Amino acid sequence: ETIKSIVGFAPAALGSIACFAAFL
């Protein structure tokens, strides 16, 4: 259950960080 949760919100973290770089 822990792994399932992390796999769910890890891409969100990467997407938000990519936004930070794109709109720096």
mmCIF file of all heavy atoms, coordinates in Angstrom:
data_MODEL
# 
_entry.id   MODEL 
# 
loop_
_atom_site.group_PDB 
_atom_site.id 
_atom_site.type_symbol 
_atom_site.label_atom_id 
_atom_site.label_alt_id 
_atom_site.label_comp_id 
_atom_site.label_asym_id 
_atom_site.label_entity_id 
_atom_site.label_seq_id 
_atom_site.pdbx_PDB_ins_code 
_atom_site.Cartn_x 
_atom_site.Cartn_y 
_atom_site.Cartn_z 
_atom_site.occupancy 
_atom_site.B_iso_or_equiv 
_atom_site.pdbx_formal_charge 
_atom_site.auth_seq_id 
_atom_site.auth_comp_id 
_atom_site.auth_asym_id 
_atom_site.auth_atom_id 
_atom_site.pdbx_PDB_model_num 
ATOM 1   N N   . GLU A 1 1  ? 0.835  -1.204 0.000   1.00 0.00 ? 1  GLU A N   1 
ATOM 2   C CA  . GLU A 1 1  ? 0.000  0.000  0.000   1.00 0.00 ? 1  GLU A CA  1 
ATOM 3   C C   . GLU A 1 1  ? 0.871  1.255  0.000   1.00 0.00 ? 1  GLU A C   1 
ATOM 4   O O   . GLU A 1 1  ? 0.526  2.258  -0.636  1.00 0.00 ? 1  GLU A O   1 
ATOM 5   C CB  . GLU A 1 1  ? -0.915 0.005  1.224   1.00 0.00 ? 1  GLU A CB  1 
ATOM 6   C CG  . GLU A 1 1  ? -1.972 -1.090 1.227   1.00 0.00 ? 1  GLU A CG  1 
ATOM 7   C CD  . GLU A 1 1  ? -3.073 -0.850 0.213   1.00 0.00 ? 1  GLU A CD  1 
ATOM 8   O OE1 . GLU A 1 1  ? -3.039 0.171  -0.498  1.00 0.00 ? 1  GLU A OE1 1 
ATOM 9   O OE2 . GLU A 1 1  ? -3.982 -1.690 0.112   1.00 0.00 ? 1  GLU A OE2 1 
ATOM 10  N N   . THR A 1 2  ? 1.984  1.212  0.688   1.00 0.00 ? 2  THR A N   1 
ATOM 11  C CA  . THR A 1 2  ? 2.900  2.344  0.711   1.00 0.00 ? 2  THR A CA  1 
ATOM 12  C C   . THR A 1 2  ? 3.490  2.590  -0.670  1.00 0.00 ? 2  THR A C   1 
ATOM 13  O O   . THR A 1 2  ? 3.536  3.728  -1.155  1.00 0.00 ? 2  THR A O   1 
ATOM 14  C CB  . THR A 1 2  ? 4.028  2.101  1.725   1.00 0.00 ? 2  THR A CB  1 
ATOM 15  O OG1 . THR A 1 2  ? 3.462  1.940  3.029   1.00 0.00 ? 2  THR A OG1 1 
ATOM 16  C CG2 . THR A 1 2  ? 5.019  3.258  1.730   1.00 0.00 ? 2  THR A CG2 1 
ATOM 17  N N   . ILE A 1 3  ? 3.945  1.510  -1.314  1.00 0.00 ? 3  ILE A N   1 
ATOM 18  C CA  . ILE A 1 3  ? 4.515  1.636  -2.659  1.00 0.00 ? 3  ILE A CA  1 
ATOM 19  C C   . ILE A 1 3  ? 3.463  2.167  -3.624  1.00 0.00 ? 3  ILE A C   1 
ATOM 20  O O   . ILE A 1 3  ? 3.744  3.039  -4.458  1.00 0.00 ? 3  ILE A O   1 
ATOM 21  C CB  . ILE A 1 3  ? 5.061  0.277  -3.129  1.00 0.00 ? 3  ILE A CB  1 
ATOM 22  C CG1 . ILE A 1 3  ? 6.282  -0.102 -2.285  1.00 0.00 ? 3  ILE A CG1 1 
ATOM 23  C CG2 . ILE A 1 3  ? 5.428  0.327  -4.609  1.00 0.00 ? 3  ILE A CG2 1 
ATOM 24  C CD1 . ILE A 1 3  ? 6.776  -1.506 -2.526  1.00 0.00 ? 3  ILE A CD1 1 
ATOM 25  N N   . LYS A 1 4  ? 2.237  1.665  -3.530  1.00 0.00 ? 4  LYS A N   1 
ATOM 26  C CA  . LYS A 1 4  ? 1.168  2.119  -4.419  1.00 0.00 ? 4  LYS A CA  1 
ATOM 27  C C   . LYS A 1 4  ? 0.928  3.615  -4.266  1.00 0.00 ? 4  LYS A C   1 
ATOM 28  O O   . LYS A 1 4  ? 0.765  4.335  -5.263  1.00 0.00 ? 4  LYS A O   1 
ATOM 29  C CB  . LYS A 1 4  ? -0.125 1.358  -4.116  1.00 0.00 ? 4  LYS A CB  1 
ATOM 30  C CG  . LYS A 1 4  ? -1.292 1.761  -5.010  1.00 0.00 ? 4  LYS A CG  1 
ATOM 31  C CD  . LYS A 1 4  ? -2.529 0.939  -4.716  1.00 0.00 ? 4  LYS A CD  1 
ATOM 32  C CE  . LYS A 1 4  ? -3.184 1.329  -3.407  1.00 0.00 ? 4  LYS A CE  1 
ATOM 33  N NZ  . LYS A 1 4  ? -4.490 0.671  -3.224  1.00 0.00 ? 4  LYS A NZ  1 
ATOM 34  N N   . SER A 1 5  ? 0.915  4.079  -3.036  1.00 0.00 ? 5  SER A N   1 
ATOM 35  C CA  . SER A 1 5  ? 0.687  5.502  -2.788  1.00 0.00 ? 5  SER A CA  1 
ATOM 36  C C   . SER A 1 5  ? 1.804  6.348  -3.381  1.00 0.00 ? 5  SER A C   1 
ATOM 37  O O   . SER A 1 5  ? 1.553  7.367  -4.030  1.00 0.00 ? 5  SER A O   1 
ATOM 38  C CB  . SER A 1 5  ? 0.579  5.762  -1.288  1.00 0.00 ? 5  SER A CB  1 
ATOM 39  O OG  . SER A 1 5  ? -0.482 5.031  -0.715  1.00 0.00 ? 5  SER A OG  1 
ATOM 40  N N   . ILE A 1 6  ? 3.054  5.922  -3.168  1.00 0.00 ? 6  ILE A N   1 
ATOM 41  C CA  . ILE A 1 6  ? 4.192  6.700  -3.644  1.00 0.00 ? 6  ILE A CA  1 
ATOM 42  C C   . ILE A 1 6  ? 4.224  6.752  -5.164  1.00 0.00 ? 6  ILE A C   1 
ATOM 43  O O   . ILE A 1 6  ? 4.503  7.809  -5.755  1.00 0.00 ? 6  ILE A O   1 
ATOM 44  C CB  . ILE A 1 6  ? 5.496  6.112  -3.083  1.00 0.00 ? 6  ILE A CB  1 
ATOM 45  C CG1 . ILE A 1 6  ? 5.548  6.339  -1.577  1.00 0.00 ? 6  ILE A CG1 1 
ATOM 46  C CG2 . ILE A 1 6  ? 6.712  6.731  -3.756  1.00 0.00 ? 6  ILE A CG2 1 
ATOM 47  C CD1 . ILE A 1 6  ? 6.670  5.620  -0.890  1.00 0.00 ? 6  ILE A CD1 1 
ATOM 48  N N   . VAL A 1 7  ? 3.925  5.646  -5.810  1.00 0.00 ? 7  VAL A N   1 
ATOM 49  C CA  . VAL A 1 7  ? 3.891  5.628  -7.269  1.00 0.00 ? 7  VAL A CA  1 
ATOM 50  C C   . VAL A 1 7  ? 2.812  6.589  -7.776  1.00 0.00 ? 7  VAL A C   1 
ATOM 51  O O   . VAL A 1 7  ? 2.941  7.171  -8.851  1.00 0.00 ? 7  VAL A O   1 
ATOM 52  C CB  . VAL A 1 7  ? 3.637  4.201  -7.791  1.00 0.00 ? 7  VAL A CB  1 
ATOM 53  C CG1 . VAL A 1 7  ? 3.334  4.202  -9.277  1.00 0.00 ? 7  VAL A CG1 1 
ATOM 54  C CG2 . VAL A 1 7  ? 4.851  3.325  -7.508  1.00 0.00 ? 7  VAL A CG2 1 
ATOM 55  N N   . GLY A 1 8  ? 1.770  6.797  -6.985  1.00 0.00 ? 8  GLY A N   1 
ATOM 56  C CA  . GLY A 1 8  ? 0.723  7.723  -7.383  1.00 0.00 ? 8  GLY A CA  1 
ATOM 57  C C   . GLY A 1 8  ? 1.148  9.177  -7.299  1.00 0.00 ? 8  GLY A C   1 
ATOM 58  O O   . GLY A 1 8  ? 0.869  9.959  -8.206  1.00 0.00 ? 8  GLY A O   1 
ATOM 59  N N   . PHE A 1 9  ? 1.846  9.575  -6.207  1.00 0.00 ? 9  PHE A N   1 
ATOM 60  C CA  . PHE A 1 9  ? 2.152  11.002 -6.098  1.00 0.00 ? 9  PHE A CA  1 
ATOM 61  C C   . PHE A 1 9  ? 3.563  11.377 -6.526  1.00 0.00 ? 9  PHE A C   1 
ATOM 62  O O   . PHE A 1 9  ? 3.875  12.571 -6.630  1.00 0.00 ? 9  PHE A O   1 
ATOM 63  C CB  . PHE A 1 9  ? 1.852  11.550 -4.689  1.00 0.00 ? 9  PHE A CB  1 
ATOM 64  C CG  . PHE A 1 9  ? 2.577  10.930 -3.536  1.00 0.00 ? 9  PHE A CG  1 
ATOM 65  C CD1 . PHE A 1 9  ? 3.908  11.200 -3.293  1.00 0.00 ? 9  PHE A CD1 1 
ATOM 66  C CD2 . PHE A 1 9  ? 1.889  10.110 -2.647  1.00 0.00 ? 9  PHE A CD2 1 
ATOM 67  C CE1 . PHE A 1 9  ? 4.557  10.667 -2.189  1.00 0.00 ? 9  PHE A CE1 1 
ATOM 68  C CE2 . PHE A 1 9  ? 2.545  9.557  -1.544  1.00 0.00 ? 9  PHE A CE2 1 
ATOM 69  C CZ  . PHE A 1 9  ? 3.875  9.833  -1.321  1.00 0.00 ? 9  PHE A CZ  1 
ATOM 70  N N   . ALA A 1 10 ? 4.409  10.413 -6.827  1.00 0.00 ? 10 ALA A N   1 
ATOM 71  C CA  . ALA A 1 10 ? 5.747  10.740 -7.333  1.00 0.00 ? 10 ALA A CA  1 
ATOM 72  C C   . ALA A 1 10 ? 5.695  11.463 -8.683  1.00 0.00 ? 10 ALA A C   1 
ATOM 73  O O   . ALA A 1 10 ? 6.394  12.467 -8.871  1.00 0.00 ? 10 ALA A O   1 
ATOM 74  C CB  . ALA A 1 10 ? 6.602  9.483  -7.426  1.00 0.00 ? 10 ALA A CB  1 
ATOM 75  N N   . PRO A 1 11 ? 4.877  11.008 -9.668  1.00 0.00 ? 11 PRO A N   1 
ATOM 76  C CA  . PRO A 1 11 ? 4.801  11.747 -10.934 1.00 0.00 ? 11 PRO A CA  1 
ATOM 77  C C   . PRO A 1 11 ? 4.295  13.172 -10.757 1.00 0.00 ? 11 PRO A C   1 
ATOM 78  O O   . PRO A 1 11 ? 4.706  14.075 -11.491 1.00 0.00 ? 11 PRO A O   1 
ATOM 79  C CB  . PRO A 1 11 ? 3.815  10.911 -11.768 1.00 0.00 ? 11 PRO A CB  1 
ATOM 80  C CG  . PRO A 1 11 ? 3.910  9.542  -11.201 1.00 0.00 ? 11 PRO A CG  1 
ATOM 81  C CD  . PRO A 1 11 ? 4.109  9.752  -9.727  1.00 0.00 ? 11 PRO A CD  1 
ATOM 82  N N   . ALA A 1 12 ? 3.405  13.380 -9.785  1.00 0.00 ? 12 ALA A N   1 
ATOM 83  C CA  . ALA A 1 12 ? 2.928  14.739 -9.520  1.00 0.00 ? 12 ALA A CA  1 
ATOM 84  C C   . ALA A 1 12 ? 4.077  15.626 -9.071  1.00 0.00 ? 12 ALA A C   1 
ATOM 85  O O   . ALA A 1 12 ? 4.176  16.793 -9.460  1.00 0.00 ? 12 ALA A O   1 
ATOM 86  C CB  . ALA A 1 12 ? 1.822  14.704 -8.465  1.00 0.00 ? 12 ALA A CB  1 
ATOM 87  N N   . ALA A 1 13 ? 4.938  15.071 -8.238  1.00 0.00 ? 13 ALA A N   1 
ATOM 88  C CA  . ALA A 1 13 ? 6.099  15.836 -7.780  1.00 0.00 ? 13 ALA A CA  1 
ATOM 89  C C   . ALA A 1 13 ? 7.000  16.198 -8.954  1.00 0.00 ? 13 ALA A C   1 
ATOM 90  O O   . ALA A 1 13 ? 7.446  17.343 -9.088  1.00 0.00 ? 13 ALA A O   1 
ATOM 91  C CB  . ALA A 1 13 ? 6.871  15.023 -6.742  1.00 0.00 ? 13 ALA A CB  1 
ATOM 92  N N   . LEU A 1 14 ? 7.258  15.239 -9.835  1.00 0.00 ? 14 LEU A N   1 
ATOM 93  C CA  . LEU A 1 14 ? 8.111  15.501 -10.996 1.00 0.00 ? 14 LEU A CA  1 
ATOM 94  C C   . LEU A 1 14 ? 7.476  16.532 -11.924 1.00 0.00 ? 14 LEU A C   1 
ATOM 95  O O   . LEU A 1 14 ? 8.163  17.403 -12.471 1.00 0.00 ? 14 LEU A O   1 
ATOM 96  C CB  . LEU A 1 14 ? 8.380  14.200 -11.743 1.00 0.00 ? 14 LEU A CB  1 
ATOM 97  C CG  . LEU A 1 14 ? 9.177  13.132 -10.982 1.00 0.00 ? 14 LEU A CG  1 
ATOM 98  C CD1 . LEU A 1 14 ? 9.292  11.862 -11.806 1.00 0.00 ? 14 LEU A CD1 1 
ATOM 99  C CD2 . LEU A 1 14 ? 10.551 13.663 -10.599 1.00 0.00 ? 14 LEU A CD2 1 
ATOM 100 N N   . GLY A 1 15 ? 6.154  16.441 -12.107 1.00 0.00 ? 15 GLY A N   1 
ATOM 101 C CA  . GLY A 1 15 ? 5.455  17.398 -12.967 1.00 0.00 ? 15 GLY A CA  1 
ATOM 102 C C   . GLY A 1 15 ? 5.528  18.811 -12.418 1.00 0.00 ? 15 GLY A C   1 
ATOM 103 O O   . GLY A 1 15 ? 5.740  19.772 -13.169 1.00 0.00 ? 15 GLY A O   1 
ATOM 104 N N   . SER A 1 16 ? 5.354  18.955 -11.117 1.00 0.00 ? 16 SER A N   1 
ATOM 105 C CA  . SER A 1 16 ? 5.411  20.282 -10.500 1.00 0.00 ? 16 SER A CA  1 
ATOM 106 C C   . SER A 1 16 ? 6.823  20.866 -10.589 1.00 0.00 ? 16 SER A C   1 
ATOM 107 O O   . SER A 1 16 ? 6.995  22.066 -10.839 1.00 0.00 ? 16 SER A O   1 
ATOM 108 C CB  . SER A 1 16 ? 4.968  20.201 -9.040  1.00 0.00 ? 16 SER A CB  1 
ATOM 109 O OG  . SER A 1 16 ? 3.605  19.842 -8.948  1.00 0.00 ? 16 SER A OG  1 
ATOM 110 N N   . ILE A 1 17 ? 7.820  20.028 -10.385 1.00 0.00 ? 17 ILE A N   1 
ATOM 111 C CA  . ILE A 1 17 ? 9.205  20.502 -10.490 1.00 0.00 ? 17 ILE A CA  1 
ATOM 112 C C   . ILE A 1 17 ? 9.519  20.909 -11.932 1.00 0.00 ? 17 ILE A C   1 
ATOM 113 O O   . ILE A 1 17 ? 10.219 21.903 -12.170 1.00 0.00 ? 17 ILE A O   1 
ATOM 114 C CB  . ILE A 1 17 ? 10.175 19.418 -9.993  1.00 0.00 ? 17 ILE A CB  1 
ATOM 115 C CG1 . ILE A 1 17 ? 9.986  19.215 -8.475  1.00 0.00 ? 17 ILE A CG1 1 
ATOM 116 C CG2 . ILE A 1 17 ? 11.620 19.787 -10.307 1.00 0.00 ? 17 ILE A CG2 1 
ATOM 117 C CD1 . ILE A 1 17 ? 10.735 18.031 -7.909  1.00 0.00 ? 17 ILE A CD1 1 
ATOM 118 N N   . ALA A 1 18 ? 8.991  20.150 -12.909 1.00 0.00 ? 18 ALA A N   1 
ATOM 119 C CA  . ALA A 1 18 ? 9.173  20.513 -14.316 1.00 0.00 ? 18 ALA A CA  1 
ATOM 120 C C   . ALA A 1 18 ? 8.527  21.862 -14.610 1.00 0.00 ? 18 ALA A C   1 
ATOM 121 O O   . ALA A 1 18 ? 9.065  22.673 -15.372 1.00 0.00 ? 18 ALA A O   1 
ATOM 122 C CB  . ALA A 1 18 ? 8.576  19.431 -15.219 1.00 0.00 ? 18 ALA A CB  1 
ATOM 123 N N   . CYS A 1 19 ? 7.372  22.133 -13.999 1.00 0.00 ? 19 CYS A N   1 
ATOM 124 C CA  . CYS A 1 19 ? 6.710  23.429 -14.156 1.00 0.00 ? 19 CYS A CA  1 
ATOM 125 C C   . CYS A 1 19 ? 7.576  24.551 -13.605 1.00 0.00 ? 19 CYS A C   1 
ATOM 126 O O   . CYS A 1 19 ? 7.660  25.635 -14.187 1.00 0.00 ? 19 CYS A O   1 
ATOM 127 C CB  . CYS A 1 19 ? 5.359  23.423 -13.427 1.00 0.00 ? 19 CYS A CB  1 
ATOM 128 S SG  . CYS A 1 19 ? 3.977  23.062 -14.505 1.00 0.00 ? 19 CYS A SG  1 
ATOM 129 N N   . PHE A 1 20 ? 8.191  24.283 -12.475 1.00 0.00 ? 20 PHE A N   1 
ATOM 130 C CA  . PHE A 1 20 ? 9.066  25.289 -11.870 1.00 0.00 ? 20 PHE A CA  1 
ATOM 131 C C   . PHE A 1 20 ? 10.185 25.659 -12.842 1.00 0.00 ? 20 PHE A C   1 
ATOM 132 O O   . PHE A 1 20 ? 10.510 26.840 -13.012 1.00 0.00 ? 20 PHE A O   1 
ATOM 133 C CB  . PHE A 1 20 ? 9.655  24.748 -10.569 1.00 0.00 ? 20 PHE A CB  1 
ATOM 134 C CG  . PHE A 1 20 ? 10.458 25.750 -9.797  1.00 0.00 ? 20 PHE A CG  1 
ATOM 135 C CD1 . PHE A 1 20 ? 9.850  26.588 -8.890  1.00 0.00 ? 20 PHE A CD1 1 
ATOM 136 C CD2 . PHE A 1 20 ? 11.839 25.849 -9.993  1.00 0.00 ? 20 PHE A CD2 1 
ATOM 137 C CE1 . PHE A 1 20 ? 10.596 27.526 -8.173  1.00 0.00 ? 20 PHE A CE1 1 
ATOM 138 C CE2 . PHE A 1 20 ? 12.587 26.778 -9.280  1.00 0.00 ? 20 PHE A CE2 1 
ATOM 139 C CZ  . PHE A 1 20 ? 11.957 27.618 -8.368  1.00 0.00 ? 20 PHE A CZ  1 
ATOM 140 N N   . ALA A 1 21 ? 10.766 24.655 -13.494 1.00 0.00 ? 21 ALA A N   1 
ATOM 141 C CA  . ALA A 1 21 ? 11.837 24.915 -14.455 1.00 0.00 ? 21 ALA A CA  1 
ATOM 142 C C   . ALA A 1 21 ? 11.307 25.643 -15.691 1.00 0.00 ? 21 ALA A C   1 
ATOM 143 O O   . ALA A 1 21 ? 11.942 26.583 -16.187 1.00 0.00 ? 21 ALA A O   1 
ATOM 144 C CB  . ALA A 1 21 ? 12.497 23.596 -14.854 1.00 0.00 ? 21 ALA A CB  1 
ATOM 145 N N   . ALA A 1 22 ? 10.135 25.236 -16.177 1.00 0.00 ? 22 ALA A N   1 
ATOM 146 C CA  . ALA A 1 22 ? 9.580  25.833 -17.389 1.00 0.00 ? 22 ALA A CA  1 
ATOM 147 C C   . ALA A 1 22 ? 9.201  27.297 -17.185 1.00 0.00 ? 22 ALA A C   1 
ATOM 148 O O   . ALA A 1 22 ? 9.332  28.118 -18.094 1.00 0.00 ? 22 ALA A O   1 
ATOM 149 C CB  . ALA A 1 22 ? 8.366  25.034 -17.853 1.00 0.00 ? 22 ALA A CB  1 
ATOM 150 N N   . PHE A 1 23 ? 8.722  27.628 -15.998 1.00 0.00 ? 23 PHE A N   1 
ATOM 151 C CA  . PHE A 1 23 ? 8.257  28.990 -15.710 1.00 0.00 ? 23 PHE A CA  1 
ATOM 152 C C   . PHE A 1 23 ? 9.239  29.742 -14.809 1.00 0.00 ? 23 PHE A C   1 
ATOM 153 O O   . PHE A 1 23 ? 8.844  30.679 -14.120 1.00 0.00 ? 23 PHE A O   1 
ATOM 154 C CB  . PHE A 1 23 ? 6.882  28.940 -15.035 1.00 0.00 ? 23 PHE A CB  1 
ATOM 155 C CG  . PHE A 1 23 ? 5.761  28.574 -15.970 1.00 0.00 ? 23 PHE A CG  1 
ATOM 156 C CD1 . PHE A 1 23 ? 5.417  27.243 -16.163 1.00 0.00 ? 23 PHE A CD1 1 
ATOM 157 C CD2 . PHE A 1 23 ? 5.059  29.552 -16.651 1.00 0.00 ? 23 PHE A CD2 1 
ATOM 158 C CE1 . PHE A 1 23 ? 4.392  26.891 -17.017 1.00 0.00 ? 23 PHE A CE1 1 
ATOM 159 C CE2 . PHE A 1 23 ? 4.029  29.208 -17.511 1.00 0.00 ? 23 PHE A CE2 1 
ATOM 160 C CZ  . PHE A 1 23 ? 3.691  27.881 -17.700 1.00 0.00 ? 23 PHE A CZ  1 
ATOM 161 N N   . LEU A 1 24 ? 10.504 29.350 -14.829 1.00 0.00 ? 24 LEU A N   1 
ATOM 162 C CA  . LEU A 1 24 ? 11.476 29.981 -13.945 1.00 0.00 ? 24 LEU A CA  1 
ATOM 163 C C   . LEU A 1 24 ? 11.603 31.480 -14.225 1.00 0.00 ? 24 LEU A C   1 
ATOM 164 O O   . LEU A 1 24 ? 11.651 32.294 -13.290 1.00 0.00 ? 24 LEU A O   1 
ATOM 165 C CB  . LEU A 1 24 ? 12.839 29.299 -14.102 1.00 0.00 ? 24 LEU A CB  1 
ATOM 166 C CG  . LEU A 1 24 ? 13.926 29.744 -13.116 1.00 0.00 ? 24 LEU A CG  1 
ATOM 167 C CD1 . LEU A 1 24 ? 13.479 29.499 -11.682 1.00 0.00 ? 24 LEU A CD1 1 
ATOM 168 C CD2 . LEU A 1 24 ? 15.235 29.006 -13.418 1.00 0.00 ? 24 LEU A CD2 1 
# 
